[in-house]
PDB file of N, CA and C in Angstrom:
ATOM      1  N   MET A   1      89.937   6.940  18.653  1.00  0.00           N
ATOM      2  CA  MET A   1      89.684   8.015  17.705  1.00  0.00           C
ATOM      3  C   MET A   1      90.505   8.025  16.406  1.00  0.00           C
ATOM      4  N   ILE A   2      91.641   7.422  16.523  1.00  0.00           N
ATOM      5  CA  ILE A   2      92.618   7.341  15.244  1.00  0.00           C
ATOM      6  C   ILE A   2      91.917   6.303  14.240  1.00  0.00           C
ATOM      7  N   LEU A   3      91.315   5.251  14.910  1.00  0.00           N
ATOM      8  CA  LEU A   3      90.789   4.292  13.956  1.00  0.00           C
ATOM      9  C   LEU A   3      89.643   4.803  13.480  1.00  0.00           C
ATOM     10  N   LEU A   4      88.623   5.396  14.200  1.00  0.00           N
ATOM     11  CA  LEU A   4      87.537   5.968  13.582  1.00  0.00           C
ATOM     12  C   LEU A   4      87.588   6.909  12.565  1.00  0.00           C
ATOM     13  N   ASN A   5      88.729   7.946  12.681  1.00  0.00           N
ATOM     14  CA  ASN A   5      89.076   8.599  11.893  1.00  0.00           C
ATOM     15  C   ASN A   5      89.639   8.496  10.573  1.00  0.00           C
ATOM     16  N   CYS A   6      90.384   7.099  10.607  1.00  0.00           N
ATOM     17  CA  CYS A   6      90.781   6.368   9.441  1.00  0.00           C
ATOM     18  C   CYS A   6      89.903   5.735   8.731  1.00  0.00           C
ATOM     19  N   ALA A   7      88.634   5.290   9.234  1.00  0.00           N
ATOM     20  CA  ALA A   7      87.633   4.593   8.700  1.00  0.00           C
ATOM     21  C   ALA A   7      86.528   5.705   8.064  1.00  0.00           C
ATOM     22  N   PHE A   8      86.639   6.580   8.671  1.00  0.00           N
ATOM     23  CA  PHE A   8      85.644   7.840   8.277  1.00  0.00           C
ATOM     24  C   PHE A   8      86.239   8.336   7.044  1.00  0.00           C
ATOM     25  N   ASN A   9      87.445   8.626   6.891  1.00  0.00           N
ATOM     26  CA  ASN A   9      88.314   9.362   5.954  1.00  0.00           C
ATOM     27  C   ASN A   9      88.289   8.483   4.673  1.00  0.00           C
ATOM     28  N   ALA A  10      88.451   6.958   5.049  1.00  0.00           N
ATOM     29  CA  ALA A  10      88.308   5.976   3.802  1.00  0.00           C
ATOM     30  C   ALA A  10      87.067   5.897   3.328  1.00  0.00           C
ATOM     31  N   GLN A  11      85.834   5.868   4.175  1.00  0.00           N
ATOM     32  CA  GLN A  11      84.793   5.888   3.493  1.00  0.00           C
ATOM     33  C   GLN A  11      84.465   7.082   2.650  1.00  0.00           C
ATOM     34  N   ASN A  12      84.778   8.479   3.009  1.00  0.00           N
ATOM     35  CA  ASN A  12      84.510   9.384   2.204  1.00  0.00           C
ATOM     36  C   ASN A  12      85.515   9.980   1.159  1.00  0.00           C
ATOM     37  N   GLY A  13      86.705   8.777   0.836  1.00  0.00           N
ATOM     38  CA  GLY A  13      87.329   8.989  -0.192  1.00  0.00           C
ATOM     39  C   GLY A  13      88.681   9.783  -0.017  1.00  0.00           C
ATOM     40  N   LYS A  14      88.757  10.375   1.378  1.00  0.00           N
ATOM     41  CA  LYS A  14      89.962  11.079   1.606  1.00  0.00           C
ATOM     42  C   LYS A  14      91.067  10.349   2.100  1.00  0.00           C
ATOM     43  N   LYS A  15      92.330  10.765   2.016  1.00  0.00           N
ATOM     44  CA  LYS A  15      93.549   9.988   2.314  1.00  0.00           C
ATOM     45  C   LYS A  15      93.606  10.177   4.062  1.00  0.00           C
ATOM     46  N   PRO A  16      93.975   9.086   4.635  1.00  0.00           N
ATOM     47  CA  PRO A  16      93.875   9.286   6.082  1.00  0.00           C
ATOM     48  C   PRO A  16      95.010  10.279   6.596  1.00  0.00           C
ATOM     49  N   MET A  17      95.035  10.661   7.652  1.00  0.00           N
ATOM     50  CA  MET A  17      96.319  11.836   8.227  1.00  0.00           C
ATOM     51  C   MET A  17      97.595  11.455   7.997  1.00  0.00           C
ATOM     52  N   TYR A  18      97.590   9.986   8.437  1.00  0.00           N
ATOM     53  CA  TYR A  18      99.073   9.360   8.322  1.00  0.00           C
ATOM     54  C   TYR A  18      99.762   9.353   7.077  1.00  0.00           C
ATOM     55  N   GLU A  19      98.857   8.894   6.088  1.00  0.00           N
ATOM     56  CA  GLU A  19      99.532   9.070   4.641  1.00  0.00           C
ATOM     57  C   GLU A  19      99.881  10.220   4.366  1.00  0.00           C
ATOM     58  N   THR A  20      98.924  11.542   4.673  1.00  0.00           N
ATOM     59  CA  THR A  20      99.472  12.697   4.200  1.00  0.00           C
ATOM     60  C   THR A  20     100.846  12.999   4.836  1.00  0.00           C
ATOM     61  N   PHE A  21     100.855  12.717   6.141  1.00  0.00           N
ATOM     62  CA  PHE A  21     101.942  13.105   6.786  1.00  0.00           C
ATOM     63  C   PHE A  21     103.369  12.377   6.155  1.00  0.00           C
ATOM     64  N   ASP A  22     102.929  11.051   5.917  1.00  0.00           N
ATOM     65  CA  ASP A  22     104.091  10.435   5.241  1.00  0.00           C
ATOM     66  C   ASP A  22     104.531  10.949   3.795  1.00  0.00           C
ATOM     67  N   ASN A  23     103.372  11.441   3.122  1.00  0.00           N
ATOM     68  CA  ASN A  23     103.729  12.149   1.849  1.00  0.00           C
ATOM     69  C   ASN A  23     104.706  13.564   1.842  1.00  0.00           C
ATOM     70  N   VAL A  24     104.225  14.361   2.849  1.00  0.00           N
ATOM     71  CA  VAL A  24     104.931  15.537   2.967  1.00  0.00           C
ATOM     72  C   VAL A  24     106.364  15.260   3.422  1.00  0.00           C
ATOM     73  N   VAL A  25     106.574  14.234   4.464  1.00  0.00           N
ATOM     74  CA  VAL A  25     107.979  13.876   4.905  1.00  0.00           C
ATOM     75  C   VAL A  25     108.751  13.530   4.058  1.00  0.00           C
ATOM     76  N   CYS A  26     108.165  12.631   3.106  1.00  0.00           N
ATOM     77  CA  CYS A  26     108.920  12.039   2.169  1.00  0.00           C
ATOM     78  C   CYS A  26     109.174  12.760   0.883  1.00  0.00           C
ATOM     79  N   GLN A  27     108.617  13.702   0.656  1.00  0.00           N
ATOM     80  CA  GLN A  27     108.902  14.870  -0.149  1.00  0.00           C
ATOM     81  C   GLN A  27     110.148  15.309   0.146  1.00  0.00           C
ATOM     82  N   GLN A  28     110.226  15.975   1.231  1.00  0.00           N
ATOM     83  CA  GLN A  28     111.527  16.505   1.890  1.00  0.00           C
ATOM     84  C   GLN A  28     112.653  15.616   2.089  1.00  0.00           C
ATOM     85  N   PHE A  29     112.346  14.384   2.260  1.00  0.00           N
ATOM     86  CA  PHE A  29     113.476  13.233   2.923  1.00  0.00           C
ATOM     87  C   PHE A  29     113.002  12.031   2.076  1.00  0.00           C
ATOM     88  N   PRO A  30     113.485  11.713   0.803  1.00  0.00           N
ATOM     89  CA  PRO A  30     113.235  10.623   0.071  1.00  0.00           C
ATOM     90  C   PRO A  30     113.698   9.408   0.772  1.00  0.00           C
ATOM     91  N   ALA A  31     114.716   9.551   1.429  1.00  0.00           N
ATOM     92  CA  ALA A  31     115.503   8.389   2.117  1.00  0.00           C
ATOM     93  C   ALA A  31     114.344   7.435   3.075  1.00  0.00           C
ATOM     94  N   LEU A  32     113.390   8.292   3.788  1.00  0.00           N
ATOM     95  CA  LEU A  32     112.491   7.800   4.663  1.00  0.00           C
ATOM     96  C   LEU A  32     111.208   7.308   4.119  1.00  0.00           C
ATOM     97  N   GLN A  33     111.259   7.258   2.860  1.00  0.00           N
ATOM     98  CA  GLN A  33     109.978   6.776   2.283  1.00  0.00           C
ATOM     99  C   GLN A  33     109.587   5.115   2.690  1.00  0.00           C
ATOM    100  N   GLY A  34     108.479   5.217   3.130  1.00  0.00           N
ATOM    101  CA  GLY A  34     107.906   3.944   3.636  1.00  0.00           C
ATOM    102  C   GLY A  34     108.143   3.757   5.149  1.00  0.00           C
ATOM    103  N   TRP A  35     109.195   4.266   5.656  1.00  0.00           N
ATOM    104  CA  TRP A  35     109.535   4.219   7.192  1.00  0.00           C
ATOM    105  C   TRP A  35     108.655   4.939   7.872  1.00  0.00           C
ATOM    106  N   VAL A  36     108.149   6.117   7.542  1.00  0.00           N
ATOM    107  CA  VAL A  36     107.185   7.117   8.280  1.00  0.00           C
ATOM    108  C   VAL A  36     106.105   6.216   8.570  1.00  0.00           C
ATOM    109  N   GLY A  37     105.320   5.565   7.613  1.00  0.00           N
ATOM    110  CA  GLY A  37     104.119   5.008   7.742  1.00  0.00           C
ATOM    111  C   GLY A  37     104.385   3.649   8.739  1.00  0.00           C
ATOM    112  N   ILE A  38     105.540   3.102   8.499  1.00  0.00           N
ATOM    113  CA  ILE A  38     105.577   1.722   9.616  1.00  0.00           C
ATOM    114  C   ILE A  38     105.720   2.401  11.051  1.00  0.00           C
ATOM    115  N   PHE A  39     106.560   3.480  11.314  1.00  0.00           N
ATOM    116  CA  PHE A  39     106.517   3.985  12.594  1.00  0.00           C
ATOM    117  C   PHE A  39     105.448   4.472  12.913  1.00  0.00           C
ATOM    118  N   THR A  40     104.749   5.249  12.270  1.00  0.00           N
ATOM    119  CA  THR A  40     103.214   5.694  12.651  1.00  0.00           C
ATOM    120  C   THR A  40     102.125   4.806  13.038  1.00  0.00           C
ATOM    121  N   SER A  41     102.377   3.376  12.238  1.00  0.00           N
ATOM    122  CA  SER A  41     101.617   2.407  12.613  1.00  0.00           C
ATOM    123  C   SER A  41     102.053   1.642  13.901  1.00  0.00           C
ATOM    124  N   ILE A  42     103.452   1.635  14.197  1.00  0.00           N
ATOM    125  CA  ILE A  42     103.864   0.917  15.587  1.00  0.00           C
ATOM    126  C   ILE A  42     103.211   1.727  16.690  1.00  0.00           C
ATOM    127  N   PHE A  43     103.416   3.102  16.481  1.00  0.00           N
ATOM    128  CA  PHE A  43     103.109   4.171  17.624  1.00  0.00           C
ATOM    129  C   PHE A  43     101.584   3.878  17.802  1.00  0.00           C
ATOM    130  N   VAL A  44     100.565   3.806  16.719  1.00  0.00           N
ATOM    131  CA  VAL A  44      99.145   3.730  16.988  1.00  0.00           C
ATOM    132  C   VAL A  44      98.930   2.436  17.646  1.00  0.00           C
ATOM    133  N   ILE A  45      99.544   1.371  17.277  1.00  0.00           N
ATOM    134  CA  ILE A  45      99.387  -0.061  17.992  1.00  0.00           C
ATOM    135  C   ILE A  45      99.980   0.050  19.276  1.00  0.00           C
ATOM    136  N   PHE A  46     100.973   0.710  19.606  1.00  0.00           N
ATOM    137  CA  PHE A  46     101.473   0.687  21.223  1.00  0.00           C
ATOM    138  C   PHE A  46     100.591   1.687  22.041  1.00  0.00           C
ATOM    139  N   ILE A  47      99.793   2.663  21.384  1.00  0.00           N
ATOM    140  CA  ILE A  47      98.830   3.343  22.291  1.00  0.00           C
ATOM    141  C   ILE A  47      97.718   2.613  22.417  1.00  0.00           C
ATOM    142  N   VAL A  48      97.212   2.051  21.423  1.00  0.00           N
ATOM    143  CA  VAL A  48      95.835   1.187  21.431  1.00  0.00           C
ATOM    144  C   VAL A  48      96.162   0.147  22.687  1.00  0.00           C
ATOM    145  N   ILE A  49      97.315  -0.719  22.572  1.00  0.00           N
ATOM    146  CA  ILE A  49      97.410  -1.883  23.570  1.00  0.00           C
ATOM    147  C   ILE A  49      97.719  -1.183  24.700  1.00  0.00           C
ATOM    148  N   LEU A  50      98.443  -0.094  25.142  1.00  0.00           N
ATOM    149  CA  LEU A  50      98.485   0.477  26.278  1.00  0.00           C
ATOM    150  C   LEU A  50      97.230   0.745  26.975  1.00  0.00           C
ATOM    151  N   ALA A  51      96.194   1.351  26.159  1.00  0.00           N
ATOM    152  CA  ALA A  51      95.182   1.720  26.715  1.00  0.00           C
ATOM    153  C   ALA A  51      94.182   0.490  27.155  1.00  0.00           C
ATOM    154  N   VAL A  52      94.255  -0.770  26.161  1.00  0.00           N
ATOM    155  CA  VAL A  52      93.472  -2.016  26.399  1.00  0.00           C
ATOM    156  C   VAL A  52      93.974  -2.411  27.777  1.00  0.00           C
ATOM    157  N   ILE A  53      95.408  -2.464  27.887  1.00  0.00           N
ATOM    158  CA  ILE A  53      96.127  -3.253  29.082  1.00  0.00           C
ATOM    159  C   ILE A  53      95.439  -2.541  30.312  1.00  0.00           C
ATOM    160  N   ILE A  54      95.606  -1.057  30.401  1.00  0.00           N
ATOM    161  CA  ILE A  54      95.078  -0.228  31.401  1.00  0.00           C
ATOM    162  C   ILE A  54      93.571  -0.448  31.854  1.00  0.00           C
ATOM    163  N   ALA A  55      92.837  -0.626  30.686  1.00  0.00           N
ATOM    164  CA  ALA A  55      91.332  -0.736  30.890  1.00  0.00           C
ATOM    165  C   ALA A  55      91.274  -2.199  31.569  1.00  0.00           C
ATOM    166  N   VAL A  56      91.791  -3.243  31.107  1.00  0.00           N
ATOM    167  CA  VAL A  56      91.521  -4.537  31.830  1.00  0.00           C
ATOM    168  C   VAL A  56      92.047  -4.314  33.149  1.00  0.00           C
ATOM    169  N   ARG A  57      92.993  -3.906  33.561  1.00  0.00           N
ATOM    170  CA  ARG A  57      93.813  -4.073  35.054  1.00  0.00           C
ATOM    171  C   ARG A  57      93.197  -3.162  36.049  1.00  0.00           C
ATOM    172  N   CYS A  58      92.549  -1.868  35.389  1.00  0.00           N
ATOM    173  CA  CYS A  58      91.967  -0.972  36.389  1.00  0.00           C
ATOM    174  C   CYS A  58      90.528  -1.069  36.450  1.00  0.00           C
ATOM    175  N   ASN A  59      89.839  -1.933  35.715  1.00  0.00           N
ATOM    176  CA  ASN A  59      88.435  -2.160  35.792  1.00  0.00           C
ATOM    177  C   ASN A  59      87.868  -3.502  35.908  1.00  0.00           C
ATOM    178  N   PRO A  60      88.114  -4.143  36.985  1.00  0.00           N
ATOM    179  CA  PRO A  60      87.840  -5.578  37.057  1.00  0.00           C
ATOM    180  C   PRO A  60      86.292  -5.976  36.991  1.00  0.00           C
ATOM    181  N   GLU A  61      85.672  -4.951  37.430  1.00  0.00           N
ATOM    182  CA  GLU A  61      84.176  -5.310  37.584  1.00  0.00           C
ATOM    183  C   GLU A  61      83.593  -5.453  36.113  1.00  0.00           C
ATOM    184  N   SER A  62      83.789  -4.672  35.270  1.00  0.00           N
ATOM    185  CA  SER A  62      83.284  -4.669  34.107  1.00  0.00           C
ATOM    186  C   SER A  62      84.295  -4.650  32.870  1.00  0.00           C
ATOM    187  N   PRO A  63      85.265  -5.393  32.564  1.00  0.00           N
ATOM    188  CA  PRO A  63      86.345  -4.964  31.601  1.00  0.00           C
ATOM    189  C   PRO A  63      85.938  -5.063  30.227  1.00  0.00           C
ATOM    190  N   ALA A  64      84.904  -5.777  29.738  1.00  0.00           N
ATOM    191  CA  ALA A  64      84.474  -5.817  28.502  1.00  0.00           C
ATOM    192  C   ALA A  64      84.087  -4.275  27.915  1.00  0.00           C
ATOM    193  N   ALA A  65      83.229  -3.747  28.719  1.00  0.00           N
ATOM    194  CA  ALA A  65      82.746  -2.239  28.501  1.00  0.00           C
ATOM    195  C   ALA A  65      84.077  -1.283  28.142  1.00  0.00           C
ATOM    196  N   TYR A  66      85.039  -1.512  29.307  1.00  0.00           N
ATOM    197  CA  TYR A  66      86.125  -0.566  29.109  1.00  0.00           C
ATOM    198  C   TYR A  66      87.114  -0.882  28.066  1.00  0.00           C
ATOM    199  N   VAL A  67      87.129  -2.235  27.744  1.00  0.00           N
ATOM    200  CA  VAL A  67      88.107  -2.721  26.707  1.00  0.00           C
ATOM    201  C   VAL A  67      87.586  -2.124  25.374  1.00  0.00           C
ATOM    202  N   PHE A  68      86.222  -2.134  25.318  1.00  0.00           N
ATOM    203  CA  PHE A  68      85.605  -1.633  23.829  1.00  0.00           C
ATOM    204  C   PHE A  68      85.947   0.162  24.062  1.00  0.00           C
ATOM    205  N   LEU A  69      85.706   0.431  24.875  1.00  0.00           N
ATOM    206  CA  LEU A  69      86.024   1.975  25.111  1.00  0.00           C
ATOM    207  C   LEU A  69      87.422   2.281  24.576  1.00  0.00           C
ATOM    208  N   ALA A  70      88.323   1.477  25.299  1.00  0.00           N
ATOM    209  CA  ALA A  70      89.896   1.538  24.954  1.00  0.00           C
ATOM    210  C   ALA A  70      90.249   1.495  23.539  1.00  0.00           C
ATOM    211  N   LEU A  71      89.692   0.432  22.841  1.00  0.00           N
ATOM    212  CA  LEU A  71      89.942   0.174  21.618  1.00  0.00           C
ATOM    213  C   LEU A  71      89.507   1.292  20.696  1.00  0.00           C
ATOM    214  N   PHE A  72      88.413   1.826  20.702  1.00  0.00           N
ATOM    215  CA  PHE A  72      87.947   2.813  19.801  1.00  0.00           C
ATOM    216  C   PHE A  72      88.140   4.086  20.095  1.00  0.00           C
ATOM    217  N   PHE A  73      88.372   4.442  21.369  1.00  0.00           N
ATOM    218  CA  PHE A  73      88.731   5.888  21.811  1.00  0.00           C
ATOM    219  C   PHE A  73      89.889   5.913  22.798  1.00  0.00           C
ATOM    220  N   SER A  74      91.002   5.198  22.259  1.00  0.00           N
ATOM    221  CA  SER A  74      92.080   5.044  23.255  1.00  0.00           C
ATOM    222  C   SER A  74      92.653   6.255  23.770  1.00  0.00           C
ATOM    223  N   GLU A  75      92.921   7.565  22.978  1.00  0.00           N
ATOM    224  CA  GLU A  75      93.179   8.635  23.571  1.00  0.00           C
ATOM    225  C   GLU A  75      92.558   9.135  24.779  1.00  0.00           C
ATOM    226  N   ILE A  76      91.127   9.043  24.261  1.00  0.00           N
ATOM    227  CA  ILE A  76      90.194   9.656  25.523  1.00  0.00           C
ATOM    228  C   ILE A  76      90.201   8.826  26.594  1.00  0.00           C
ATOM    229  N   TYR A  77      90.427   7.585  26.519  1.00  0.00           N
ATOM    230  CA  TYR A  77      90.565   6.635  27.659  1.00  0.00           C
ATOM    231  C   TYR A  77      91.720   6.846  28.525  1.00  0.00           C
ATOM    232  N   LEU A  78      92.924   7.066  27.777  1.00  0.00           N
ATOM    233  CA  LEU A  78      94.258   7.230  28.467  1.00  0.00           C
ATOM    234  C   LEU A  78      94.182   8.625  29.293  1.00  0.00           C
ATOM    235  N   ILE A  79      93.405   9.654  28.587  1.00  0.00           N
ATOM    236  CA  ILE A  79      93.140  11.059  29.302  1.00  0.00           C
ATOM    237  C   ILE A  79      92.650  11.014  30.489  1.00  0.00           C
ATOM    238  N   GLN A  80      91.539  10.097  30.463  1.00  0.00           N
ATOM    239  CA  GLN A  80      90.495   9.849  31.646  1.00  0.00           C
ATOM    240  C   GLN A  80      91.161   9.301  32.797  1.00  0.00           C
ATOM    241  N   PHE A  81      92.032   8.153  32.490  1.00  0.00           N
ATOM    242  CA  PHE A  81      92.571   7.236  33.157  1.00  0.00           C
ATOM    243  C   PHE A  81      93.984   8.549  34.055  1.00  0.00           C
ATOM    244  N   PHE A  82      94.504   9.015  33.324  1.00  0.00           N
ATOM    245  CA  PHE A  82      95.720   9.918  33.986  1.00  0.00           C
ATOM    246  C   PHE A  82      95.043  11.013  34.860  1.00  0.00           C
ATOM    247  N   ILE A  83      93.943  11.518  34.310  1.00  0.00           N
ATOM    248  CA  ILE A  83      92.987  12.494  35.163  1.00  0.00           C
ATOM    249  C   ILE A  83      92.584  11.915  36.527  1.00  0.00           C
ATOM    250  N   ARG A  84      92.042  10.608  36.345  1.00  0.00           N
ATOM    251  CA  ARG A  84      91.477   9.917  37.709  1.00  0.00           C
ATOM    252  C   ARG A  84      92.504   9.533  38.599  1.00  0.00           C
ATOM    253  N   LYS A  85      93.541   9.115  37.975  1.00  0.00           N
ATOM    254  CA  LYS A  85      94.842   8.590  38.705  1.00  0.00           C
ATOM    255  C   LYS A  85      95.758   9.590  39.286  1.00  0.00           C
ATOM    256  N   TYR A  86      95.992  10.768  38.718  1.00  0.00           N
ATOM    257  CA  TYR A  86      97.249  11.524  39.181  1.00  0.00           C
ATOM    258  C   TYR A  86      96.558  12.931  39.526  1.00  0.00           C
ATOM    259  N   ILE A  87      95.621  13.516  38.723  1.00  0.00           N
ATOM    260  CA  ILE A  87      94.982  14.783  39.240  1.00  0.00           C
ATOM    261  C   ILE A  87      93.916  14.875  40.308  1.00  0.00           C
ATOM    262  N   ILE A  88      92.913  13.890  40.015  1.00  0.00           N
ATOM    263  CA  ILE A  88      91.875  13.865  41.085  1.00  0.00           C
ATOM    264  C   ILE A  88      92.263  12.881  42.277  1.00  0.00           C
ATOM    265  N   GLN A  89      93.079  11.918  41.849  1.00  0.00           N
ATOM    266  CA  GLN A  89      93.957  10.889  42.942  1.00  0.00           C
ATOM    267  C   GLN A  89      92.690  10.147  43.704  1.00  0.00           C
ATOM    268  N   GLU A  90      91.822   9.730  42.936  1.00  0.00           N
ATOM    269  CA  GLU A  90      90.903   8.731  43.517  1.00  0.00           C
ATOM    270  C   GLU A  90      91.379   7.395  44.257  1.00  0.00           C
ATOM    271  N   LYS A  91      91.018   7.240  45.549  1.00  0.00           N
ATOM    272  CA  LYS A  91      91.261   6.466  46.585  1.00  0.00           C
ATOM    273  C   LYS A  91      91.104   4.998  45.940  1.00  0.00           C
ATOM    274  N   ASN A  92      92.112   3.916  45.892  1.00  0.00           N
ATOM    275  CA  ASN A  92      91.940   2.539  45.359  1.00  0.00           C
ATOM    276  C   ASN A  92      91.577   2.416  44.074  1.00  0.00           C
ATOM    277  N   TYR A  93      91.905   3.510  43.037  1.00  0.00           N
ATOM    278  CA  TYR A  93      91.777   3.400  41.729  1.00  0.00           C
ATOM    279  C   TYR A  93      93.116   2.663  41.076  1.00  0.00           C
ATOM    280  N   CYS A  94      93.046   1.698  40.466  1.00  0.00           N
ATOM    281  CA  CYS A  94      94.256   0.992  39.848  1.00  0.00           C
ATOM    282  C   CYS A  94      95.439   1.008  40.757  1.00  0.00           C
ATOM    283  N   LYS A  95      95.396   0.346  41.848  1.00  0.00           N
ATOM    284  CA  LYS A  95      96.798   0.101  42.508  1.00  0.00           C
ATOM    285  C   LYS A  95      97.307  -0.933  41.873  1.00  0.00           C
ATOM    286  N   GLY A  96      98.737  -0.771  42.111  1.00  0.00           N
ATOM    287  CA  GLY A  96      99.644  -1.597  41.270  1.00  0.00           C
ATOM    288  C   GLY A  96      99.875  -1.061  39.975  1.00  0.00           C
ATOM    289  N   LEU A  97      99.597  -0.233  39.485  1.00  0.00           N
ATOM    290  CA  LEU A  97      99.974   0.191  38.008  1.00  0.00           C
ATOM    291  C   LEU A  97     100.508   1.550  38.155  1.00  0.00           C
ATOM    292  N   PHE A  98     101.729   1.608  37.666  1.00  0.00           N
ATOM    293  CA  PHE A  98     102.543   2.917  37.648  1.00  0.00           C
ATOM    294  C   PHE A  98     102.838   3.219  38.935  1.00  0.00           C
TER     295      PHE A  98
END
């Protein structure tokens, strides 16, 4: 979702949300200029990599489809993973992970 949101905003000439957040924080704390964008990028990369790893490990029958889903909709994929794993508690879903 984050990647699609950034692409959509860039196409329409709007600033991506993380740049707006960076500007707001840097106006109040000038010493943080540049670091907010770096930390935001690291956080986004961490979330996407986590979603892709879970998609590959938990769906061995068709990993390509789930990796595609996890790459472009990482937050939605992680939400459905945690719902299936811990709320619904499906049997034999993603054993050996967490």
